[in-house]
Amino acid sequence: MKKLYFIFSLSIALLSVNISFSQDGYKISGEVQYVGAKNIYVCLHNQETWPNAMKELPPAPYTIITKSNQSGKANFAFSSVPRGDYIIFVFIDDNDNGKLDRDTMGYPTELLRAFKPSLSGHANWNDQKFTVNKDITGLSIQF
């Protein structure tokens, strides 16, 4: 009887741990509205990748490359996103080189948008971040 009780208790404990870990991965999804045939890069940055957001793409799986369908919409979905603060940047890769091109002053030369625009008009972590602590769906980014 003690052995059965121990196995039952252990099973419940392992199930609880599994449930708590599965709740740490969230989904972020939405659509980009853009009429054109170029690659669309949807980049999910956290506070660690944010300082280099204009220079390099975030690591996989936090960059999605997609194209618009005939109605001018491209869907995106990030899965298993840990709890935390994030920014979504989207750019149109006009010359298909796989990066956001900038001029000599460092300003983007390709179309760039953020899910949450900055109040100042410039990229700003505090203005543009949003907190992920549940699934976030239905985001819309328009060009």
C-alpha atoms as a PDB file:
ATOM      1  CA  MET A   1       0.000   0.000   0.000  1.00  0.00           C
ATOM      2  CA  LYS A   2       2.851   2.408   0.849  1.00  0.00           C
ATOM      3  CA  LYS A   3       4.473   1.602  -2.477  1.00  0.00           C
ATOM      4  CA  LEU A   4       1.251   2.369  -4.341  1.00  0.00           C
ATOM      5  CA  TYR A   5       0.862   5.655  -2.453  1.00  0.00           C
ATOM      6  CA  PHE A   6       4.471   6.609  -3.270  1.00  0.00           C
ATOM      7  CA  ILE A   7       4.014   5.866  -6.994  1.00  0.00           C
ATOM      8  CA  PHE A   8       0.761   7.853  -7.051  1.00  0.00           C
ATOM      9  CA  SER A   9       2.387  10.832  -5.277  1.00  0.00           C
ATOM     10  CA  LEU A  10       5.396  10.750  -7.588  1.00  0.00           C
ATOM     11  CA  SER A  11       3.122  10.654 -10.642  1.00  0.00           C
ATOM     12  CA  ILE A  12       1.173  13.692  -9.433  1.00  0.00           C
ATOM     13  CA  ALA A  13       4.399  15.596  -8.710  1.00  0.00           C
ATOM     14  CA  LEU A  14       5.822  14.857 -12.170  1.00  0.00           C
ATOM     15  CA  LEU A  15       2.556  15.842 -13.818  1.00  0.00           C
ATOM     16  CA  SER A  16       2.587  19.177 -11.933  1.00  0.00           C
ATOM     17  CA  VAL A  17       6.146  19.912 -13.060  1.00  0.00           C
ATOM     18  CA  ASN A  18       5.227  19.092 -16.665  1.00  0.00           C
ATOM     19  CA  ILE A  19       2.198  21.401 -16.558  1.00  0.00           C
ATOM     20  CA  SER A  20       4.203  24.298 -15.108  1.00  0.00           C
ATOM     21  CA  PHE A  21       6.864  23.981 -17.829  1.00  0.00           C
ATOM     22  CA  SER A  22       4.303  23.813 -20.618  1.00  0.00           C
ATOM     23  CA  GLN A  23       2.786  27.093 -19.436  1.00  0.00           C
ATOM     24  CA  ASP A  24       6.066  28.949 -20.018  1.00  0.00           C
ATOM     25  CA  GLY A  25       5.832  28.700 -23.806  1.00  0.00           C
ATOM     26  CA  TYR A  26       3.419  31.115 -25.429  1.00  0.00           C
ATOM     27  CA  LYS A  27       2.276  31.804 -28.969  1.00  0.00           C
ATOM     28  CA  ILE A  28       2.520  35.204 -30.667  1.00  0.00           C
ATOM     29  CA  SER A  29       0.734  35.450 -33.988  1.00  0.00           C
ATOM     30  CA  GLY A  30      -0.723  37.930 -36.414  1.00  0.00           C
ATOM     31  CA  GLU A  31      -0.469  39.280 -39.905  1.00  0.00           C
ATOM     32  CA  VAL A  32       1.553  41.767 -41.913  1.00  0.00           C
ATOM     33  CA  GLN A  33      -0.271  43.784 -44.547  1.00  0.00           C
ATOM     34  CA  TYR A  34       1.975  44.497 -47.518  1.00  0.00           C
ATOM     35  CA  VAL A  35       1.281  44.444 -51.250  1.00  0.00           C
ATOM     36  CA  GLY A  36       4.368  43.163 -53.001  1.00  0.00           C
ATOM     37  CA  ALA A  37       6.375  40.061 -53.828  1.00  0.00           C
ATOM     38  CA  LYS A  38       9.439  40.714 -51.647  1.00  0.00           C
ATOM     39  CA  ASN A  39      10.445  38.711 -48.580  1.00  0.00           C
ATOM     40  CA  ILE A  40       8.969  39.983 -45.329  1.00  0.00           C
ATOM     41  CA  TYR A  41      11.113  39.494 -42.223  1.00  0.00           C
ATOM     42  CA  VAL A  42       9.222  39.357 -38.929  1.00  0.00           C
ATOM     43  CA  CYS A  43      11.722  39.648 -36.062  1.00  0.00           C
ATOM     44  CA  LEU A  44      10.929  39.057 -32.391  1.00  0.00           C
ATOM     45  CA  HIS A  45      13.511  40.736 -30.155  1.00  0.00           C
ATOM     46  CA  ASN A  46      13.975  40.419 -26.418  1.00  0.00           C
ATOM     47  CA  GLN A  47      16.056  42.719 -24.225  1.00  0.00           C
ATOM     48  CA  GLU A  48      19.234  40.760 -25.033  1.00  0.00           C
ATOM     49  CA  THR A  49      18.890  40.962 -28.843  1.00  0.00           C
ATOM     50  CA  TRP A  50      17.365  44.455 -28.826  1.00  0.00           C
ATOM     51  CA  PRO A  51      20.656  46.457 -28.765  1.00  0.00           C
ATOM     52  CA  ASN A  52      21.635  44.913 -32.130  1.00  0.00           C
ATOM     53  CA  ALA A  53      18.138  44.938 -33.640  1.00  0.00           C
ATOM     54  CA  MET A  54      19.103  47.241 -36.518  1.00  0.00           C
ATOM     55  CA  LYS A  55      22.304  45.328 -37.289  1.00  0.00           C
ATOM     56  CA  GLU A  56      21.442  41.641 -37.045  1.00  0.00           C
ATOM     57  CA  LEU A  57      18.478  39.306 -37.021  1.00  0.00           C
ATOM     58  CA  PRO A  58      17.454  37.598 -33.794  1.00  0.00           C
ATOM     59  CA  PRO A  59      18.467  33.928 -33.524  1.00  0.00           C
ATOM     60  CA  ALA A  60      16.179  31.165 -34.799  1.00  0.00           C
ATOM     61  CA  PRO A  61      13.297  30.620 -34.208  1.00  0.00           C
ATOM     62  CA  TYR A  62      12.678  34.332 -33.597  1.00  0.00           C
ATOM     63  CA  THR A  63      12.899  35.417 -37.234  1.00  0.00           C
ATOM     64  CA  ILE A  64      10.189  34.417 -39.678  1.00  0.00           C
ATOM     65  CA  ILE A  65      10.557  34.976 -43.412  1.00  0.00           C
ATOM     66  CA  THR A  66       7.257  35.090 -45.267  1.00  0.00           C
ATOM     67  CA  LYS A  67       5.569  36.589 -48.340  1.00  0.00           C
ATOM     68  CA  SER A  68       2.209  38.237 -48.892  1.00  0.00           C
ATOM     69  CA  ASN A  69      -0.613  36.258 -50.408  1.00  0.00           C
ATOM     70  CA  GLN A  70      -2.812  37.621 -53.224  1.00  0.00           C
ATOM     71  CA  SER A  71      -4.826  39.706 -50.759  1.00  0.00           C
ATOM     72  CA  GLY A  72      -1.665  41.461 -49.514  1.00  0.00           C
ATOM     73  CA  LYS A  73      -1.459  39.669 -46.162  1.00  0.00           C
ATOM     74  CA  ALA A  74       1.264  37.499 -44.664  1.00  0.00           C
ATOM     75  CA  ASN A  75       0.602  35.470 -41.517  1.00  0.00           C
ATOM     76  CA  PHE A  76       3.229  34.831 -38.860  1.00  0.00           C
ATOM     77  CA  ALA A  77       3.335  32.776 -35.662  1.00  0.00           C
ATOM     78  CA  PHE A  78       6.042  32.369 -33.048  1.00  0.00           C
ATOM     79  CA  SER A  79       5.582  29.402 -30.725  1.00  0.00           C
ATOM     80  CA  SER A  80       7.150  28.383 -27.419  1.00  0.00           C
ATOM     81  CA  VAL A  81       8.027  32.000 -26.599  1.00  0.00           C
ATOM     82  CA  PRO A  82       9.218  32.314 -22.986  1.00  0.00           C
ATOM     83  CA  ARG A  83       7.570  34.772 -20.626  1.00  0.00           C
ATOM     84  CA  GLY A  84       9.148  38.229 -20.897  1.00  0.00           C
ATOM     85  CA  ASP A  85       9.230  41.540 -22.739  1.00  0.00           C
ATOM     86  CA  TYR A  86       9.581  41.684 -26.532  1.00  0.00           C
ATOM     87  CA  ILE A  87       9.513  43.965 -29.563  1.00  0.00           C
ATOM     88  CA  ILE A  88       8.433  42.924 -33.051  1.00  0.00           C
ATOM     89  CA  PHE A  89      10.146  44.581 -36.010  1.00  0.00           C
ATOM     90  CA  VAL A  90       9.120  43.813 -39.586  1.00  0.00           C
ATOM     91  CA  PHE A  91      11.051  44.820 -42.676  1.00  0.00           C
ATOM     92  CA  ILE A  92      10.750  44.312 -46.410  1.00  0.00           C
ATOM     93  CA  ASP A  93      13.959  42.930 -47.917  1.00  0.00           C
ATOM     94  CA  ASP A  94      13.974  44.910 -51.181  1.00  0.00           C
ATOM     95  CA  ASN A  95      17.269  43.541 -52.476  1.00  0.00           C
ATOM     96  CA  ASP A  96      16.898  39.955 -51.122  1.00  0.00           C
ATOM     97  CA  ASN A  97      20.173  40.021 -49.187  1.00  0.00           C
ATOM     98  CA  GLY A  98      18.675  38.694 -45.930  1.00  0.00           C
ATOM     99  CA  LYS A  99      19.351  41.757 -43.805  1.00  0.00           C
ATOM    100  CA  LEU A 100      18.011  45.215 -43.050  1.00  0.00           C
ATOM    101  CA  ASP A 101      20.057  47.639 -45.117  1.00  0.00           C
ATOM    102  CA  ARG A 102      21.066  51.009 -43.685  1.00  0.00           C
ATOM    103  CA  ASP A 103      22.606  54.184 -45.078  1.00  0.00           C
ATOM    104  CA  THR A 104      25.939  55.642 -43.951  1.00  0.00           C
ATOM    105  CA  MET A 105      24.212  57.402 -41.034  1.00  0.00           C
ATOM    106  CA  GLY A 106      22.680  54.113 -39.826  1.00  0.00           C
ATOM    107  CA  TYR A 107      19.096  54.807 -40.885  1.00  0.00           C
ATOM    108  CA  PRO A 108      17.174  51.939 -42.526  1.00  0.00           C
ATOM    109  CA  THR A 109      16.910  52.142 -46.319  1.00  0.00           C
ATOM    110  CA  GLU A 110      14.280  49.392 -46.515  1.00  0.00           C
ATOM    111  CA  LEU A 111      10.693  49.587 -45.304  1.00  0.00           C
ATOM    112  CA  LEU A 112      10.582  48.976 -41.548  1.00  0.00           C
ATOM    113  CA  ARG A 113       7.685  48.833 -39.090  1.00  0.00           C
ATOM    114  CA  ALA A 114       7.181  47.801 -35.496  1.00  0.00           C
ATOM    115  CA  PHE A 115       4.142  46.162 -33.978  1.00  0.00           C
ATOM    116  CA  LYS A 116       3.953  48.911 -31.402  1.00  0.00           C
ATOM    117  CA  PRO A 117       5.129  52.272 -32.812  1.00  0.00           C
ATOM    118  CA  SER A 118       7.391  54.452 -30.697  1.00  0.00           C
ATOM    119  CA  LEU A 119       6.015  57.688 -29.275  1.00  0.00           C
ATOM    120  CA  SER A 120       9.169  59.534 -30.366  1.00  0.00           C
ATOM    121  CA  GLY A 121       9.214  58.076 -33.883  1.00  0.00           C
ATOM    122  CA  HIS A 122      12.563  56.346 -33.218  1.00  0.00           C
ATOM    123  CA  ALA A 123      13.190  52.796 -32.052  1.00  0.00           C
ATOM    124  CA  ASN A 124      12.815  52.820 -28.278  1.00  0.00           C
ATOM    125  CA  TRP A 125      12.704  49.742 -26.020  1.00  0.00           C
ATOM    126  CA  ASN A 126      10.526  51.325 -23.339  1.00  0.00           C
ATOM    127  CA  ASP A 127       7.930  52.649 -25.830  1.00  0.00           C
ATOM    128  CA  GLN A 128       7.728  49.578 -28.034  1.00  0.00           C
ATOM    129  CA  LYS A 129       8.036  46.583 -25.729  1.00  0.00           C
ATOM    130  CA  PHE A 130       5.081  44.410 -24.813  1.00  0.00           C
ATOM    131  CA  THR A 131       4.871  41.714 -22.173  1.00  0.00           C
ATOM    132  CA  VAL A 132       4.292  38.083 -23.034  1.00  0.00           C
ATOM    133  CA  ASN A 133       2.668  36.187 -20.183  1.00  0.00           C
ATOM    134  CA  LYS A 134      -0.097  34.546 -22.230  1.00  0.00           C
ATOM    135  CA  ASP A 135      -0.796  33.731 -25.881  1.00  0.00           C
ATOM    136  CA  ILE A 136      -1.020  36.883 -27.997  1.00  0.00           C
ATOM    137  CA  THR A 137      -2.926  36.570 -31.251  1.00  0.00           C
ATOM    138  CA  GLY A 138      -4.380  38.881 -33.862  1.00  0.00           C
ATOM    139  CA  LEU A 139      -1.465  41.312 -34.100  1.00  0.00           C
ATOM    140  CA  SER A 140      -1.540  43.489 -37.205  1.00  0.00           C
ATOM    141  CA  ILE A 141       1.356  45.352 -38.793  1.00  0.00           C
ATOM    142  CA  GLN A 142       0.651  47.530 -41.829  1.00  0.00           C
ATOM    143  CA  PHE A 143       2.923  48.933 -44.493  1.00  0.00           C
END
